[in-house]
Protein backbone atom coordinates (compact mmCIF):
# COMPACT_ATOMS: atom_id res chain seq x y z
CA MET A 1 5.96 62.10 -45.69
CA SER A 2 8.69 60.31 -43.86
CA LYS A 3 10.73 57.14 -44.21
CA VAL A 4 11.69 54.78 -41.42
CA PHE A 5 14.24 51.97 -41.11
CA THR A 6 11.62 49.80 -39.43
CA SER A 7 9.66 49.38 -42.66
CA ALA A 8 10.33 47.95 -46.14
CA VAL A 9 8.76 46.60 -49.32
CA VAL A 10 10.21 43.22 -50.25
CA ILE A 11 9.90 40.03 -52.27
CA ILE A 12 9.72 36.98 -50.01
CA PRO A 13 10.19 33.48 -51.41
CA PRO A 14 7.42 31.04 -50.41
CA GLU A 15 8.22 29.38 -47.07
CA GLU A 16 8.53 25.96 -48.69
CA LYS A 17 11.61 27.35 -50.52
CA TRP A 18 13.32 28.61 -47.35
CA ALA A 19 15.15 25.46 -46.18
CA LEU A 20 18.33 25.84 -48.26
CA ILE A 21 18.40 29.62 -47.88
CA GLN A 22 18.05 29.41 -44.10
CA GLU A 23 20.64 26.63 -43.87
CA ILE A 24 23.18 28.97 -45.49
CA ARG A 25 22.03 31.96 -43.43
CA GLU A 26 22.35 30.02 -40.16
CA LYS A 27 26.06 29.64 -40.89
CA TYR A 28 26.85 33.10 -42.22
CA ASP A 29 24.11 35.71 -41.64
CA ARG A 30 24.11 37.68 -38.39
CA GLN A 31 20.76 39.21 -39.49
CA ILE A 32 18.90 35.88 -39.67
CA ASN A 33 16.77 36.76 -36.64
CA ARG A 34 15.88 40.25 -37.85
CA TRP A 35 14.93 39.60 -41.50
CA MET A 36 13.17 36.72 -43.22
CA PRO A 37 14.72 35.64 -46.58
CA HIS A 38 13.90 38.53 -48.90
CA ILE A 39 14.82 40.70 -51.86
CA THR A 40 14.53 44.35 -50.93
CA LEU A 41 12.58 46.61 -53.28
CA LEU A 42 12.17 49.74 -51.10
CA TYR A 43 14.04 50.46 -47.84
CA PRO A 44 13.65 52.52 -45.79
CA PHE A 45 9.91 52.79 -46.41
CA ARG A 46 6.95 54.67 -44.97
CA PRO A 47 5.82 54.05 -41.38
CA GLU A 48 3.28 51.32 -40.76
CA THR A 49 0.69 54.01 -39.94
CA GLU A 50 0.62 54.86 -43.68
CA TYR A 51 0.21 51.26 -44.92
CA LEU A 52 -3.57 51.37 -45.32
CA THR A 53 -3.45 54.38 -47.64
CA LEU A 54 -0.44 53.09 -49.58
CA GLU A 55 -1.92 49.61 -49.94
CA LYS A 56 -4.66 50.93 -52.24
CA GLU A 57 -2.16 52.63 -54.56
CA PHE A 58 0.13 49.58 -54.63
CA LEU A 59 -2.77 47.22 -55.36
CA GLU A 60 -3.88 49.45 -58.24
CA ILE A 61 -0.43 49.44 -59.87
CA CYS A 62 0.46 45.82 -59.08
CA LYS A 63 -2.73 44.39 -60.56
CA ASN A 64 -1.23 45.28 -63.97
CA ILE A 65 2.11 43.52 -63.36
CA ASN A 66 2.29 39.92 -64.53
CA PRO A 67 3.69 37.35 -62.09
CA PHE A 68 7.06 35.94 -63.11
CA GLU A 69 9.43 33.15 -62.14
CA ILE A 70 12.45 34.04 -60.00
CA ASN A 71 15.53 31.80 -60.08
CA LEU A 72 18.22 31.68 -57.41
CA LYS A 73 21.15 29.81 -58.91
CA GLU A 74 24.23 31.99 -58.56
CA PHE A 75 26.08 33.58 -55.65
CA LYS A 76 27.66 37.04 -55.81
CA TYR A 77 29.06 39.45 -53.25
CA PHE A 78 29.37 43.09 -52.31
CA ASN A 79 32.83 44.30 -51.27
CA HIS A 80 32.60 46.74 -48.35
CA GLY A 81 36.37 47.24 -48.10
CA LYS A 82 38.75 46.08 -45.37
CA GLN A 83 38.10 42.41 -46.29
CA GLN A 84 34.37 42.72 -45.40
CA TYR A 85 31.88 41.13 -47.82
CA THR A 86 28.17 40.47 -48.09
CA LEU A 87 27.33 37.17 -49.79
CA TRP A 88 24.08 37.00 -51.76
CA PHE A 89 21.96 35.09 -54.24
CA ASN A 90 21.66 36.84 -57.58
CA PRO A 91 17.93 36.62 -58.38
CA GLU A 92 17.07 36.30 -62.05
CA PRO A 93 15.62 37.78 -64.19
CA VAL A 94 17.16 40.97 -62.82
CA VAL A 95 15.49 43.15 -65.45
CA LEU A 96 11.96 42.13 -64.37
CA ILE A 97 12.74 42.76 -60.70
CA LYS A 98 14.20 46.16 -61.58
CA ASN A 99 11.12 46.98 -63.67
CA LEU A 100 8.88 46.04 -60.74
CA GLN A 101 10.89 48.24 -58.39
CA THR A 102 10.83 51.18 -60.84
CA THR A 103 7.05 50.86 -61.18
CA ILE A 104 6.29 50.84 -57.45
CA LEU A 105 8.82 53.59 -56.83
CA GLU A 106 6.51 55.91 -58.79
CA ILE A 107 4.11 55.77 -55.81
CA VAL A 108 6.75 56.78 -53.26
CA PRO A 109 9.60 58.40 -55.24
CA ASP A 110 11.39 59.56 -52.09
CA CYS A 111 11.83 55.91 -50.96
CA ASN A 112 14.64 55.50 -53.48
CA ASP A 113 17.53 54.88 -51.06
CA VAL A 114 18.40 51.49 -52.60
CA ASN A 115 18.82 53.24 -55.96
CA LYS A 116 21.51 55.58 -54.62
CA TYR A 117 24.29 52.99 -54.43
CA LYS A 118 27.24 53.30 -56.81
CA HIS A 119 25.74 50.79 -59.27
CA GLY A 120 22.11 51.72 -58.61
CA PHE A 121 19.45 49.27 -57.48
CA ARG A 122 20.88 45.75 -57.39
CA PRO A 123 18.33 43.03 -56.58
CA HIS A 124 19.83 40.51 -54.18
CA LEU A 125 18.93 38.04 -51.46
CA SER A 126 21.57 38.31 -48.73
CA VAL A 127 22.75 35.10 -47.11
CA GLY A 128 25.72 36.25 -45.04
CA GLN A 129 28.58 38.48 -44.09
CA ILE A 130 32.08 37.12 -44.64
CA GLN A 131 35.45 38.45 -43.56
CA GLY A 132 38.42 37.70 -45.81
CA LYS A 133 38.52 37.35 -49.60
CA ASN A 134 40.02 33.84 -49.61
CA LYS A 135 37.38 32.60 -47.17
CA LEU A 136 34.64 34.26 -49.25
CA LEU A 137 35.82 32.66 -52.51
CA GLU A 138 36.11 29.25 -50.83
CA ILE A 139 32.56 29.54 -49.43
CA ILE A 140 31.16 30.64 -52.79
CA LYS A 141 32.85 27.75 -54.60
CA ASN A 142 31.55 25.24 -52.06
CA LEU A 143 28.01 26.66 -52.12
CA GLN A 144 27.94 26.91 -55.92
CA ASP A 145 29.24 23.33 -56.38
CA ASN A 146 26.51 21.95 -54.08
CA LEU A 147 23.65 24.24 -55.05
CA HIS A 148 20.21 22.97 -55.90
CA GLU A 149 18.64 25.86 -57.77
CA ILE A 150 15.67 27.54 -56.15
CA HIS A 151 12.77 28.65 -58.34
CA PHE A 152 9.53 30.34 -57.34
CA LEU A 153 6.71 32.26 -58.95
CA LEU A 154 6.52 35.86 -57.82
CA ASN A 155 2.82 36.49 -57.20
CA ASP A 156 3.08 39.04 -54.38
CA ILE A 157 5.20 41.69 -52.79
CA PHE A 158 5.02 42.52 -49.10
CA PHE A 159 5.04 45.48 -46.73
CA ILE A 160 7.06 44.42 -43.69
CA ALA A 161 7.70 46.25 -40.44
CA ARG A 162 9.33 45.79 -37.06
CA GLU A 163 9.30 47.51 -33.71
CA LYS A 164 11.97 50.12 -33.05
CA SER A 165 14.16 48.00 -30.78
CA LYS A 166 17.50 46.27 -31.30
CA THR A 167 16.05 42.75 -31.12
CA SER A 168 12.79 43.23 -33.04
CA GLN A 169 12.03 41.11 -36.11
CA PHE A 170 10.42 42.15 -39.36
CA GLU A 171 6.93 40.75 -39.87
CA ILE A 172 4.64 40.73 -42.88
CA LYS A 173 2.00 43.43 -42.48
CA LYS A 174 0.48 43.67 -45.99
CA ARG A 175 0.48 41.38 -49.01
CA ILE A 176 0.15 43.09 -52.40
CA GLN A 177 -0.88 40.70 -55.14
CA LEU A 178 0.34 41.00 -58.71
CA LYS A 179 -1.94 40.47 -61.72
CA THR A 180 -4.29 37.50 -61.42
CA ASN A 181 -5.89 35.54 -64.21
CA GLU A 182 -9.39 35.81 -62.77
């Protein structure tokens, strides 16, 4: 069992909610061409060659998880030191996203890299990298003052993968549906 940096499990907002996110990312996010707007749940993840087997286990667990509304209405940042910051949307409700991540992590407990940070797993949707605290605070104030909240119903999580090259982009490979009311 191995993990690769060309594979992840993520939450992706519906494309009709991307406009504002991508507008911000176009200005500030050097990773806009590599990643679609997303909230990482597991990264690195298993190679794409294992997706078929894993899909069955994920579907079995996820069919018992109720869909829930995610709200993007507040900006926060990570401080990487030396005046380097990552700007991100704080998705709410954090507790439900963390519960989802904890549940799926039971399938692949070694894919817990995002839990090893100082403050543990921190759900976020990155929108840019900023240099300089004053610039960061000015950008956050401007974005926050002009923000139209983004809301979407989380019905699915996704397995995404990319080729192992510097310019490759992540693409959706598997869609795992949460509980349905059928």
